[in-house]
């Protein structure tokens, strides 16, 4: 039986991290058409992935999406599942896709009742960090509501916990590199249990 874990933040906090505006985007409608053509099978028809190992893109900062697509296309970021897709995407396609997904609503998440304690432990790390390990609070970069900061930091709220854990473990091992190595340093200091706890919390974080 699933139990909803509602983790909310004050609306005033969201003012510091305004959502992507379609007015500042390229062509979100064209992005939606392209998404239906090449992205929906893995990332869901509106960016809410049904496959735990594939990320949900709904509500992700547009600049971050476009930046990651460019990195994958150039080979700077290795994502085998995207190898056959990104070569055919133009810069305009990537900007349009980013605008489309940024405007989609993220689907609220639920976690099994047995994982509530893990999510609570993860929440303490997300909000307060780990001083003993010199790990800063996750919310300092990803925002109190987990919706990220345009271009720089991704949305983590309502993301699949399996995907979150996979990425944190990839940073920990060095398989994936972050800009400036920030995430590599943080993940390296976290235990696998702490990574699992954080993933459970971020998965159910609401805004």
N, C-alpha and C. Protein backbone atom coordinates (compact mmCIF):
# COMPACT_ATOMS: atom_id res chain seq x y z
N UNK A 1 0.85 -1.19 0.00
CA UNK A 1 0.00 0.00 0.00
C UNK A 1 0.88 1.24 0.00
N UNK A 2 0.57 2.18 -0.86
CA UNK A 2 1.37 3.38 -0.96
C UNK A 2 0.82 4.48 -0.09
N UNK A 3 1.72 5.18 0.52
CA UNK A 3 1.34 6.32 1.35
C UNK A 3 2.03 7.56 0.82
N UNK A 4 1.29 8.63 0.65
CA UNK A 4 1.86 9.86 0.11
C UNK A 4 2.70 10.55 1.17
N UNK A 5 3.93 10.87 0.84
CA UNK A 5 4.77 11.65 1.71
C UNK A 5 4.82 13.05 1.15
N UNK A 6 4.16 13.98 1.80
CA UNK A 6 4.09 15.34 1.31
C UNK A 6 5.14 16.18 2.02
N UNK A 7 6.09 16.66 1.26
CA UNK A 7 7.14 17.50 1.80
C UNK A 7 7.01 18.82 1.09
N UNK A 8 6.56 19.83 1.79
CA UNK A 8 6.23 21.09 1.14
C UNK A 8 7.17 22.20 1.58
N UNK A 9 7.20 23.27 0.83
CA UNK A 9 7.99 24.44 1.16
C UNK A 9 7.09 25.66 1.05
N UNK A 10 7.40 26.74 1.77
CA UNK A 10 6.58 27.95 1.69
C UNK A 10 6.59 28.51 0.28
N UNK A 11 5.45 29.06 -0.12
CA UNK A 11 5.36 29.64 -1.46
C UNK A 11 6.33 30.80 -1.64
N UNK A 12 6.65 31.49 -0.55
CA UNK A 12 7.56 32.62 -0.66
C UNK A 12 8.94 32.18 -1.11
N UNK A 13 9.32 30.94 -0.76
CA UNK A 13 10.64 30.45 -1.15
C UNK A 13 10.74 30.26 -2.65
N UNK A 14 9.60 29.99 -3.29
CA UNK A 14 9.63 29.72 -4.72
C UNK A 14 9.91 30.98 -5.53
N UNK A 15 9.69 32.13 -4.91
CA UNK A 15 9.91 33.38 -5.63
C UNK A 15 11.36 33.57 -6.03
N UNK A 16 12.25 32.92 -5.29
CA UNK A 16 13.67 33.06 -5.58
C UNK A 16 14.09 32.21 -6.77
N UNK A 17 13.25 31.24 -7.16
CA UNK A 17 13.58 30.36 -8.26
C UNK A 17 12.41 30.32 -9.24
N UNK A 18 12.19 31.38 -10.00
CA UNK A 18 11.03 31.45 -10.90
C UNK A 18 11.08 30.36 -11.95
N UNK A 19 9.90 29.78 -12.29
CA UNK A 19 9.86 28.74 -13.31
C UNK A 19 10.19 29.30 -14.68
N UNK A 20 10.60 28.39 -15.58
CA UNK A 20 10.90 28.79 -16.96
C UNK A 20 9.67 29.37 -17.61
N UNK A 21 9.80 30.48 -18.27
CA UNK A 21 8.69 31.12 -18.96
C UNK A 21 8.73 30.78 -20.43
N UNK A 22 7.60 30.33 -20.96
CA UNK A 22 7.52 29.98 -22.37
C UNK A 22 7.83 31.19 -23.25
N UNK A 23 7.62 32.39 -22.68
CA UNK A 23 7.89 33.60 -23.46
C UNK A 23 9.37 33.75 -23.74
N UNK A 24 10.21 33.16 -22.87
CA UNK A 24 11.65 33.26 -23.05
C UNK A 24 12.20 32.06 -23.83
N UNK A 25 11.33 31.16 -24.18
CA UNK A 25 11.77 29.94 -24.83
C UNK A 25 11.84 30.11 -26.33
N UNK A 26 12.29 29.07 -26.98
CA UNK A 26 12.25 29.03 -28.43
C UNK A 26 10.81 28.71 -28.81
N UNK A 27 10.57 27.55 -29.38
CA UNK A 27 9.23 27.18 -29.81
C UNK A 27 8.81 25.92 -29.06
N UNK A 28 8.09 26.12 -27.95
CA UNK A 28 7.68 24.99 -27.12
C UNK A 28 6.73 24.05 -27.87
N UNK A 29 5.90 24.61 -28.75
CA UNK A 29 4.97 23.77 -29.51
C UNK A 29 5.73 22.84 -30.44
N UNK A 30 6.76 23.38 -31.10
CA UNK A 30 7.60 22.55 -31.96
C UNK A 30 8.34 21.51 -31.13
N UNK A 31 8.72 21.92 -29.93
CA UNK A 31 9.39 20.99 -29.02
C UNK A 31 8.49 19.84 -28.62
N UNK A 32 7.20 20.13 -28.43
CA UNK A 32 6.24 19.09 -28.09
C UNK A 32 6.08 18.08 -29.21
N UNK A 33 6.07 18.59 -30.44
CA UNK A 33 5.95 17.69 -31.59
C UNK A 33 7.18 16.80 -31.72
N UNK A 34 8.35 17.38 -31.50
CA UNK A 34 9.60 16.61 -31.57
C UNK A 34 9.66 15.60 -30.42
N UNK A 35 9.19 15.99 -29.25
CA UNK A 35 9.18 15.09 -28.10
C UNK A 35 8.31 13.87 -28.36
N UNK A 36 7.14 14.11 -28.96
CA UNK A 36 6.24 13.00 -29.27
C UNK A 36 6.86 12.05 -30.27
N UNK A 37 7.70 12.60 -31.12
CA UNK A 37 8.32 11.81 -32.19
C UNK A 37 9.49 10.97 -31.69
N UNK A 38 10.35 11.55 -30.84
CA UNK A 38 11.59 10.84 -30.50
C UNK A 38 11.83 10.61 -29.01
N UNK A 39 11.08 11.26 -28.13
CA UNK A 39 11.40 11.21 -26.70
C UNK A 39 10.38 10.49 -25.82
N UNK A 40 9.12 10.49 -26.25
CA UNK A 40 8.04 10.03 -25.38
C UNK A 40 8.16 8.58 -24.95
N UNK A 41 8.73 7.74 -25.79
CA UNK A 41 8.81 6.32 -25.46
C UNK A 41 9.58 6.07 -24.17
N UNK A 42 10.59 6.89 -23.91
CA UNK A 42 11.41 6.71 -22.71
C UNK A 42 11.06 7.71 -21.60
N UNK A 43 10.74 8.93 -21.98
CA UNK A 43 10.53 9.98 -20.98
C UNK A 43 9.06 10.29 -20.71
N UNK A 44 8.16 9.53 -21.32
CA UNK A 44 6.74 9.74 -21.09
C UNK A 44 6.15 10.75 -22.05
N UNK A 45 4.85 10.69 -22.30
CA UNK A 45 4.21 11.58 -23.28
C UNK A 45 4.28 13.05 -22.91
N UNK A 46 4.39 13.37 -21.63
CA UNK A 46 4.51 14.78 -21.23
C UNK A 46 5.70 14.99 -20.30
N UNK A 47 6.68 14.12 -20.43
CA UNK A 47 7.91 14.28 -19.65
C UNK A 47 7.92 13.61 -18.31
N UNK A 48 6.85 12.90 -17.97
CA UNK A 48 6.81 12.13 -16.72
C UNK A 48 7.08 10.67 -17.06
N UNK A 49 8.33 10.29 -16.89
CA UNK A 49 8.77 8.96 -17.27
C UNK A 49 8.08 7.88 -16.44
N UNK A 50 7.73 6.79 -17.12
CA UNK A 50 7.13 5.64 -16.44
C UNK A 50 8.18 4.56 -16.16
N UNK A 51 9.41 4.80 -16.62
CA UNK A 51 10.49 3.84 -16.43
C UNK A 51 11.45 4.38 -15.39
N UNK A 52 11.61 3.71 -14.25
CA UNK A 52 12.40 4.24 -13.14
C UNK A 52 13.83 4.62 -13.46
N UNK A 53 14.42 3.99 -14.46
CA UNK A 53 15.81 4.29 -14.79
C UNK A 53 15.96 5.41 -15.82
N UNK A 54 14.84 5.90 -16.36
CA UNK A 54 14.86 7.02 -17.28
C UNK A 54 14.34 8.26 -16.55
N UNK A 55 15.01 9.39 -16.68
CA UNK A 55 14.59 10.57 -15.92
C UNK A 55 13.30 11.20 -16.42
N UNK A 56 12.55 11.75 -15.48
CA UNK A 56 11.41 12.58 -15.84
C UNK A 56 11.96 13.96 -16.18
N UNK A 57 11.43 14.56 -17.25
CA UNK A 57 11.92 15.86 -17.70
C UNK A 57 10.91 16.98 -17.44
N UNK A 58 9.71 16.63 -17.05
CA UNK A 58 8.67 17.64 -16.80
C UNK A 58 9.10 18.59 -15.69
N UNK A 59 9.03 19.88 -15.98
CA UNK A 59 9.36 20.89 -14.99
C UNK A 59 10.84 21.12 -14.80
N UNK A 60 11.67 20.44 -15.58
CA UNK A 60 13.12 20.62 -15.48
C UNK A 60 13.50 21.98 -16.06
N UNK A 61 14.43 22.71 -15.44
CA UNK A 61 14.83 24.01 -16.01
C UNK A 61 15.25 23.87 -17.46
N UNK A 62 14.70 24.71 -18.31
CA UNK A 62 14.95 24.60 -19.75
C UNK A 62 16.43 24.70 -20.09
N UNK A 63 17.12 25.65 -19.46
CA UNK A 63 18.53 25.81 -19.76
C UNK A 63 19.34 24.58 -19.41
N UNK A 64 18.94 23.90 -18.34
CA UNK A 64 19.65 22.69 -17.93
C UNK A 64 19.43 21.57 -18.94
N UNK A 65 18.19 21.41 -19.40
CA UNK A 65 17.90 20.37 -20.39
C UNK A 65 18.71 20.59 -21.66
N UNK A 66 18.67 21.81 -22.18
CA UNK A 66 19.39 22.12 -23.42
C UNK A 66 20.88 21.89 -23.25
N UNK A 67 21.40 22.26 -22.10
CA UNK A 67 22.83 22.10 -21.84
C UNK A 67 23.22 20.63 -21.80
N UNK A 68 22.40 19.80 -21.14
CA UNK A 68 22.71 18.38 -21.05
C UNK A 68 22.58 17.69 -22.41
N UNK A 69 21.59 18.09 -23.19
CA UNK A 69 21.46 17.52 -24.53
C UNK A 69 22.69 17.83 -25.38
N UNK A 70 23.19 19.05 -25.25
CA UNK A 70 24.39 19.44 -26.00
C UNK A 70 25.60 18.63 -25.56
N UNK A 71 25.70 18.39 -24.25
CA UNK A 71 26.82 17.60 -23.72
C UNK A 71 26.75 16.16 -24.20
N UNK A 72 25.54 15.61 -24.22
CA UNK A 72 25.37 14.24 -24.68
C UNK A 72 25.71 14.13 -26.17
N UNK A 73 25.25 15.11 -26.94
CA UNK A 73 25.52 15.10 -28.38
C UNK A 73 27.02 15.19 -28.67
N UNK A 74 27.73 16.02 -27.91
CA UNK A 74 29.16 16.20 -28.14
C UNK A 74 30.00 15.04 -27.62
N UNK A 75 29.38 14.21 -26.77
CA UNK A 75 30.12 13.11 -26.19
C UNK A 75 30.73 13.44 -24.84
N UNK A 76 30.57 14.68 -24.39
CA UNK A 76 31.11 15.08 -23.09
C UNK A 76 30.43 14.31 -21.97
N UNK A 77 29.14 14.04 -22.14
CA UNK A 77 28.41 13.20 -21.18
C UNK A 77 27.98 11.93 -21.90
N UNK A 78 28.38 10.80 -21.37
CA UNK A 78 28.06 9.52 -22.01
C UNK A 78 26.73 8.97 -21.51
N UNK A 79 25.76 8.89 -22.41
CA UNK A 79 24.46 8.27 -22.12
C UNK A 79 24.16 7.34 -23.28
N UNK A 80 24.51 6.06 -23.17
CA UNK A 80 24.34 5.12 -24.29
C UNK A 80 22.95 5.10 -24.89
N UNK A 81 21.92 5.25 -24.02
CA UNK A 81 20.54 5.19 -24.50
C UNK A 81 20.20 6.36 -25.44
N UNK A 82 21.00 7.43 -25.36
CA UNK A 82 20.74 8.61 -26.19
C UNK A 82 21.63 8.67 -27.43
N UNK A 83 22.53 7.71 -27.56
CA UNK A 83 23.54 7.76 -28.62
C UNK A 83 22.95 7.83 -30.02
N UNK A 84 21.80 7.19 -30.22
CA UNK A 84 21.20 7.17 -31.56
C UNK A 84 20.24 8.33 -31.79
N UNK A 85 20.01 9.14 -30.75
CA UNK A 85 19.01 10.20 -30.83
C UNK A 85 19.63 11.58 -31.00
N UNK A 86 20.60 11.92 -30.15
CA UNK A 86 21.14 13.28 -30.16
C UNK A 86 21.86 13.69 -31.44
N UNK A 87 22.49 12.78 -32.20
CA UNK A 87 23.17 13.23 -33.41
C UNK A 87 22.25 13.95 -34.40
N UNK A 88 20.97 13.59 -34.39
CA UNK A 88 20.03 14.19 -35.34
C UNK A 88 19.34 15.44 -34.79
N UNK A 89 19.68 15.84 -33.57
CA UNK A 89 19.05 17.02 -32.97
C UNK A 89 19.88 18.26 -33.27
N UNK A 90 19.23 19.27 -33.82
CA UNK A 90 19.90 20.54 -34.04
C UNK A 90 19.86 21.35 -32.75
N UNK A 91 20.62 22.44 -32.71
CA UNK A 91 20.58 23.32 -31.55
C UNK A 91 19.17 23.85 -31.33
N UNK A 92 18.49 24.16 -32.42
CA UNK A 92 17.10 24.63 -32.33
C UNK A 92 16.20 23.55 -31.76
N UNK A 93 16.38 22.31 -32.20
CA UNK A 93 15.59 21.20 -31.67
C UNK A 93 15.77 21.09 -30.15
N UNK A 94 17.01 21.19 -29.71
CA UNK A 94 17.30 21.04 -28.28
C UNK A 94 16.68 22.17 -27.47
N UNK A 95 16.72 23.37 -28.00
CA UNK A 95 16.11 24.50 -27.30
C UNK A 95 14.59 24.36 -27.26
N UNK A 96 14.01 23.89 -28.36
CA UNK A 96 12.56 23.69 -28.41
C UNK A 96 12.12 22.59 -27.44
N UNK A 97 12.86 21.50 -27.42
CA UNK A 97 12.56 20.40 -26.49
C UNK A 97 12.65 20.89 -25.05
N UNK A 98 13.69 21.66 -24.77
CA UNK A 98 13.88 22.18 -23.42
C UNK A 98 12.71 23.08 -23.01
N UNK A 99 12.27 23.94 -23.93
CA UNK A 99 11.15 24.83 -23.63
C UNK A 99 9.87 24.03 -23.38
N UNK A 100 9.66 22.98 -24.18
CA UNK A 100 8.46 22.17 -24.02
C UNK A 100 8.45 21.48 -22.66
N UNK A 101 9.52 20.78 -22.34
CA UNK A 101 9.54 20.02 -21.09
C UNK A 101 9.51 20.92 -19.86
N UNK A 102 10.15 22.09 -19.95
CA UNK A 102 10.13 23.00 -18.82
C UNK A 102 8.71 23.46 -18.48
N UNK A 103 7.85 23.49 -19.48
CA UNK A 103 6.48 23.93 -19.26
C UNK A 103 5.51 22.86 -18.84
N UNK A 104 5.98 21.61 -18.73
CA UNK A 104 5.10 20.51 -18.35
C UNK A 104 5.08 20.35 -16.82
N UNK A 105 3.95 19.91 -16.31
CA UNK A 105 3.81 19.73 -14.86
C UNK A 105 4.37 18.39 -14.42
N UNK A 106 5.20 18.42 -13.40
CA UNK A 106 5.76 17.19 -12.85
C UNK A 106 4.69 16.44 -12.06
N UNK A 107 4.69 15.16 -12.20
CA UNK A 107 3.68 14.32 -11.54
C UNK A 107 4.08 14.07 -10.08
N UNK A 108 3.17 14.35 -9.13
CA UNK A 108 3.48 14.09 -7.72
C UNK A 108 3.83 12.63 -7.50
N UNK A 109 4.73 12.38 -6.57
CA UNK A 109 5.22 11.03 -6.34
C UNK A 109 4.77 10.48 -4.99
N UNK A 110 4.71 9.17 -4.92
CA UNK A 110 4.40 8.49 -3.67
C UNK A 110 5.49 7.48 -3.40
N UNK A 111 5.74 7.18 -2.13
CA UNK A 111 6.73 6.18 -1.79
C UNK A 111 6.08 5.13 -0.89
N UNK A 112 6.59 3.90 -0.90
CA UNK A 112 6.05 2.87 -0.02
C UNK A 112 6.14 3.30 1.44
N UNK A 113 5.15 2.95 2.22
CA UNK A 113 5.11 3.35 3.63
C UNK A 113 6.37 2.92 4.38
N UNK A 114 6.93 1.79 4.02
CA UNK A 114 8.12 1.29 4.70
C UNK A 114 9.36 2.13 4.49
N UNK A 115 9.30 3.07 3.54
CA UNK A 115 10.46 3.91 3.24
C UNK A 115 10.35 5.32 3.82
N UNK A 116 9.33 5.55 4.63
CA UNK A 116 9.14 6.89 5.19
C UNK A 116 10.31 7.31 6.07
N UNK A 117 10.84 6.39 6.86
CA UNK A 117 11.96 6.73 7.73
C UNK A 117 13.20 7.09 6.91
N UNK A 118 13.42 6.35 5.81
CA UNK A 118 14.55 6.65 4.94
C UNK A 118 14.41 8.05 4.35
N UNK A 119 13.20 8.40 3.93
CA UNK A 119 12.96 9.72 3.35
C UNK A 119 13.17 10.81 4.40
N UNK A 120 12.79 10.55 5.62
CA UNK A 120 12.99 11.53 6.69
C UNK A 120 14.47 11.75 6.96
N UNK A 121 15.25 10.65 6.94
CA UNK A 121 16.70 10.79 7.12
C UNK A 121 17.29 11.59 5.96
N UNK A 122 16.84 11.28 4.75
CA UNK A 122 17.32 12.00 3.58
C UNK A 122 16.97 13.47 3.63
N UNK A 123 15.80 13.76 4.17
CA UNK A 123 15.37 15.15 4.28
C UNK A 123 16.28 15.97 5.18
N UNK A 124 16.77 15.35 6.23
CA UNK A 124 17.68 16.07 7.13
C UNK A 124 18.98 16.43 6.42
N UNK A 125 19.46 15.52 5.58
CA UNK A 125 20.68 15.80 4.81
C UNK A 125 20.40 16.85 3.74
N UNK A 126 19.26 16.72 3.06
CA UNK A 126 18.91 17.65 2.00
C UNK A 126 18.80 19.08 2.54
N UNK A 127 18.19 19.22 3.70
CA UNK A 127 17.96 20.56 4.25
C UNK A 127 19.13 21.09 5.06
N UNK A 128 19.86 20.19 5.72
CA UNK A 128 20.91 20.66 6.62
C UNK A 128 22.32 20.22 6.30
N UNK A 129 22.48 19.31 5.35
CA UNK A 129 23.81 18.82 5.01
C UNK A 129 24.37 17.91 6.08
N UNK A 130 25.66 17.65 5.99
CA UNK A 130 26.38 16.81 6.97
C UNK A 130 27.65 17.55 7.35
N UNK A 131 27.60 18.28 8.43
CA UNK A 131 28.76 19.08 8.83
C UNK A 131 29.99 18.22 9.08
N UNK A 132 29.79 17.06 9.68
CA UNK A 132 30.92 16.20 10.01
C UNK A 132 31.65 15.70 8.76
N UNK A 133 30.93 15.64 7.63
CA UNK A 133 31.52 15.16 6.37
C UNK A 133 31.78 16.32 5.40
N UNK A 134 31.55 17.54 5.87
CA UNK A 134 31.71 18.74 5.03
C UNK A 134 30.85 18.66 3.76
N UNK A 135 29.62 18.21 3.96
CA UNK A 135 28.66 18.13 2.87
C UNK A 135 27.62 19.23 3.07
N UNK A 136 27.52 20.13 2.12
CA UNK A 136 26.56 21.23 2.22
C UNK A 136 25.14 20.73 2.01
N UNK A 137 24.18 21.50 2.47
CA UNK A 137 22.77 21.16 2.27
C UNK A 137 22.46 21.13 0.77
N UNK A 138 21.79 20.10 0.32
CA UNK A 138 21.44 19.96 -1.10
C UNK A 138 20.57 21.12 -1.58
N UNK A 139 19.72 21.62 -0.66
CA UNK A 139 18.81 22.68 -1.05
C UNK A 139 19.53 23.98 -1.39
N UNK A 140 20.78 24.11 -0.99
CA UNK A 140 21.51 25.34 -1.30
C UNK A 140 21.74 25.48 -2.80
N UNK A 141 21.74 24.36 -3.55
CA UNK A 141 21.90 24.42 -5.01
C UNK A 141 20.62 24.03 -5.76
N UNK A 142 19.88 23.08 -5.21
CA UNK A 142 18.70 22.57 -5.91
C UNK A 142 17.41 23.24 -5.46
N UNK A 143 17.52 24.18 -4.50
CA UNK A 143 16.36 24.91 -4.05
C UNK A 143 15.60 24.19 -2.96
N UNK A 144 14.90 24.93 -2.10
CA UNK A 144 14.15 24.33 -1.01
C UNK A 144 13.05 23.39 -1.48
N UNK A 145 12.52 23.65 -2.68
CA UNK A 145 11.48 22.78 -3.23
C UNK A 145 12.00 21.75 -4.19
N UNK A 146 13.32 21.74 -4.40
CA UNK A 146 13.92 20.73 -5.27
C UNK A 146 13.71 20.96 -6.75
N UNK A 147 13.35 22.19 -7.14
CA UNK A 147 13.05 22.42 -8.56
C UNK A 147 14.22 22.98 -9.34
N UNK A 148 15.39 23.09 -8.73
CA UNK A 148 16.60 23.45 -9.45
C UNK A 148 16.73 24.94 -9.74
N UNK A 149 17.85 25.28 -10.34
CA UNK A 149 18.14 26.65 -10.74
C UNK A 149 18.45 26.64 -12.24
N UNK A 150 17.74 27.46 -13.02
CA UNK A 150 17.91 27.43 -14.48
C UNK A 150 19.37 27.37 -14.95
N UNK A 151 19.59 26.47 -15.88
CA UNK A 151 20.86 26.22 -16.55
C UNK A 151 21.89 25.49 -15.68
N UNK A 152 21.96 25.82 -14.40
CA UNK A 152 23.04 25.30 -13.58
C UNK A 152 22.70 24.00 -12.87
N UNK A 153 21.59 23.99 -12.12
CA UNK A 153 21.26 22.83 -11.29
C UNK A 153 19.89 22.26 -11.67
N UNK A 154 19.79 20.93 -11.76
CA UNK A 154 18.54 20.31 -12.20
C UNK A 154 17.48 20.21 -11.13
N UNK A 155 16.27 20.02 -11.59
CA UNK A 155 15.16 19.69 -10.70
C UNK A 155 15.37 18.28 -10.19
N UNK A 156 15.20 18.08 -8.88
CA UNK A 156 15.30 16.74 -8.29
C UNK A 156 13.97 16.29 -7.69
N UNK A 157 13.07 17.22 -7.44
CA UNK A 157 11.77 16.87 -6.87
C UNK A 157 10.98 16.00 -7.83
N UNK A 158 10.38 14.93 -7.30
CA UNK A 158 9.51 14.02 -8.05
C UNK A 158 10.25 13.20 -9.11
N UNK A 159 11.57 13.23 -9.07
CA UNK A 159 12.36 12.40 -9.97
C UNK A 159 12.35 10.96 -9.46
N UNK A 160 12.47 10.00 -10.35
CA UNK A 160 12.52 8.60 -9.93
C UNK A 160 13.68 8.38 -8.96
N UNK A 161 13.41 7.72 -7.86
CA UNK A 161 14.47 7.49 -6.88
C UNK A 161 15.56 6.60 -7.45
N UNK A 162 15.18 5.66 -8.31
CA UNK A 162 16.18 4.78 -8.92
C UNK A 162 17.15 5.59 -9.80
N UNK A 163 16.59 6.55 -10.54
CA UNK A 163 17.43 7.38 -11.39
C UNK A 163 18.33 8.29 -10.54
N UNK A 164 17.76 8.87 -9.49
CA UNK A 164 18.55 9.73 -8.62
C UNK A 164 19.71 8.96 -8.00
N UNK A 165 19.42 7.77 -7.49
CA UNK A 165 20.48 6.95 -6.89
C UNK A 165 21.55 6.60 -7.92
N UNK A 166 21.12 6.26 -9.12
CA UNK A 166 22.06 5.89 -10.18
C UNK A 166 23.01 7.04 -10.49
N UNK A 167 22.48 8.26 -10.56
CA UNK A 167 23.31 9.41 -10.89
C UNK A 167 24.26 9.77 -9.74
N UNK A 168 23.77 9.70 -8.51
CA UNK A 168 24.63 10.00 -7.37
C UNK A 168 25.75 8.97 -7.25
N UNK A 169 25.44 7.72 -7.51
CA UNK A 169 26.47 6.68 -7.47
C UNK A 169 27.47 6.86 -8.59
N UNK A 170 26.99 7.34 -9.75
CA UNK A 170 27.89 7.61 -10.88
C UNK A 170 28.83 8.77 -10.54
N UNK A 171 28.32 9.78 -9.86
CA UNK A 171 29.18 10.88 -9.41
C UNK A 171 30.19 10.36 -8.37
N UNK A 172 29.71 9.52 -7.48
CA UNK A 172 30.57 8.98 -6.41
C UNK A 172 31.74 8.19 -6.98
N UNK A 173 31.48 7.38 -8.00
CA UNK A 173 32.52 6.54 -8.59
C UNK A 173 33.38 7.29 -9.61
N UNK A 174 32.91 8.47 -10.04
CA UNK A 174 33.62 9.21 -11.06
C UNK A 174 33.19 8.86 -12.47
N UNK A 175 32.22 7.97 -12.59
CA UNK A 175 31.71 7.59 -13.91
C UNK A 175 31.08 8.78 -14.61
N UNK A 176 30.45 9.65 -13.83
CA UNK A 176 29.90 10.89 -14.37
C UNK A 176 30.59 12.06 -13.70
N UNK A 177 30.93 13.07 -14.48
CA UNK A 177 31.62 14.24 -13.96
C UNK A 177 30.69 15.45 -13.97
N UNK A 178 30.72 16.21 -12.89
CA UNK A 178 29.94 17.44 -12.83
C UNK A 178 30.87 18.62 -13.08
N UNK A 179 30.29 19.76 -13.41
CA UNK A 179 31.09 20.95 -13.65
C UNK A 179 31.80 21.36 -12.36
N UNK A 180 33.10 21.49 -12.44
CA UNK A 180 33.86 21.85 -11.26
C UNK A 180 34.04 20.72 -10.28
N UNK A 181 33.47 19.56 -10.59
CA UNK A 181 33.60 18.41 -9.70
C UNK A 181 32.82 18.51 -8.41
N UNK A 182 31.88 19.46 -8.34
CA UNK A 182 31.14 19.69 -7.10
C UNK A 182 30.37 18.44 -6.67
N UNK A 183 29.58 17.89 -7.59
CA UNK A 183 28.78 16.72 -7.24
C UNK A 183 29.64 15.49 -6.97
N UNK A 184 30.78 15.40 -7.63
CA UNK A 184 31.68 14.27 -7.39
C UNK A 184 32.21 14.30 -5.96
N UNK A 185 32.59 15.47 -5.49
CA UNK A 185 33.09 15.61 -4.12
C UNK A 185 32.01 15.29 -3.10
N UNK A 186 30.81 15.80 -3.35
CA UNK A 186 29.71 15.57 -2.41
C UNK A 186 29.33 14.10 -2.37
N UNK A 187 29.10 13.51 -3.54
CA UNK A 187 28.67 12.11 -3.60
C UNK A 187 29.74 11.17 -3.04
N UNK A 188 31.01 11.51 -3.24
CA UNK A 188 32.10 10.67 -2.74
C UNK A 188 32.05 10.55 -1.22
N UNK A 189 31.59 11.61 -0.56
CA UNK A 189 31.54 11.62 0.90
C UNK A 189 30.29 10.97 1.47
N UNK A 190 29.32 10.69 0.61
CA UNK A 190 28.08 10.06 1.06
C UNK A 190 28.20 8.55 0.99
N UNK A 191 27.59 7.88 1.97
CA UNK A 191 27.53 6.43 1.92
C UNK A 191 26.41 6.01 0.98
N UNK A 192 26.41 4.76 0.59
CA UNK A 192 25.34 4.28 -0.30
C UNK A 192 23.99 4.38 0.40
N UNK A 193 23.97 4.18 1.72
CA UNK A 193 22.70 4.30 2.46
C UNK A 193 22.22 5.75 2.44
N UNK A 194 23.12 6.69 2.61
CA UNK A 194 22.74 8.11 2.59
C UNK A 194 22.24 8.51 1.21
N UNK A 195 22.85 7.95 0.18
CA UNK A 195 22.38 8.21 -1.18
C UNK A 195 20.97 7.67 -1.37
N UNK A 196 20.72 6.48 -0.86
CA UNK A 196 19.38 5.89 -0.95
C UNK A 196 18.36 6.73 -0.19
N UNK A 197 18.77 7.22 0.98
CA UNK A 197 17.87 8.05 1.80
C UNK A 197 17.55 9.36 1.09
N UNK A 198 18.56 10.01 0.54
CA UNK A 198 18.35 11.26 -0.19
C UNK A 198 17.44 11.05 -1.39
N UNK A 199 17.65 9.96 -2.10
CA UNK A 199 16.84 9.67 -3.28
C UNK A 199 15.38 9.48 -2.91
N UNK A 200 15.14 8.82 -1.78
CA UNK A 200 13.76 8.62 -1.31
C UNK A 200 13.10 9.95 -0.98
N UNK A 201 13.85 10.85 -0.36
CA UNK A 201 13.31 12.16 0.01
C UNK A 201 13.02 13.01 -1.23
N UNK A 202 14.00 13.12 -2.11
CA UNK A 202 13.83 13.97 -3.29
C UNK A 202 12.71 13.46 -4.19
N UNK A 203 12.57 12.14 -4.28
CA UNK A 203 11.51 11.53 -5.09
C UNK A 203 10.13 12.02 -4.66
N UNK A 204 9.94 12.18 -3.35
CA UNK A 204 8.62 12.55 -2.84
C UNK A 204 8.48 14.03 -2.51
N UNK A 205 9.52 14.81 -2.77
CA UNK A 205 9.49 16.23 -2.44
C UNK A 205 8.46 16.95 -3.30
N UNK A 206 7.62 17.73 -2.63
CA UNK A 206 6.56 18.48 -3.30
C UNK A 206 6.88 19.96 -3.27
N UNK A 207 6.33 20.70 -4.21
CA UNK A 207 6.48 22.15 -4.16
C UNK A 207 5.14 22.82 -4.48
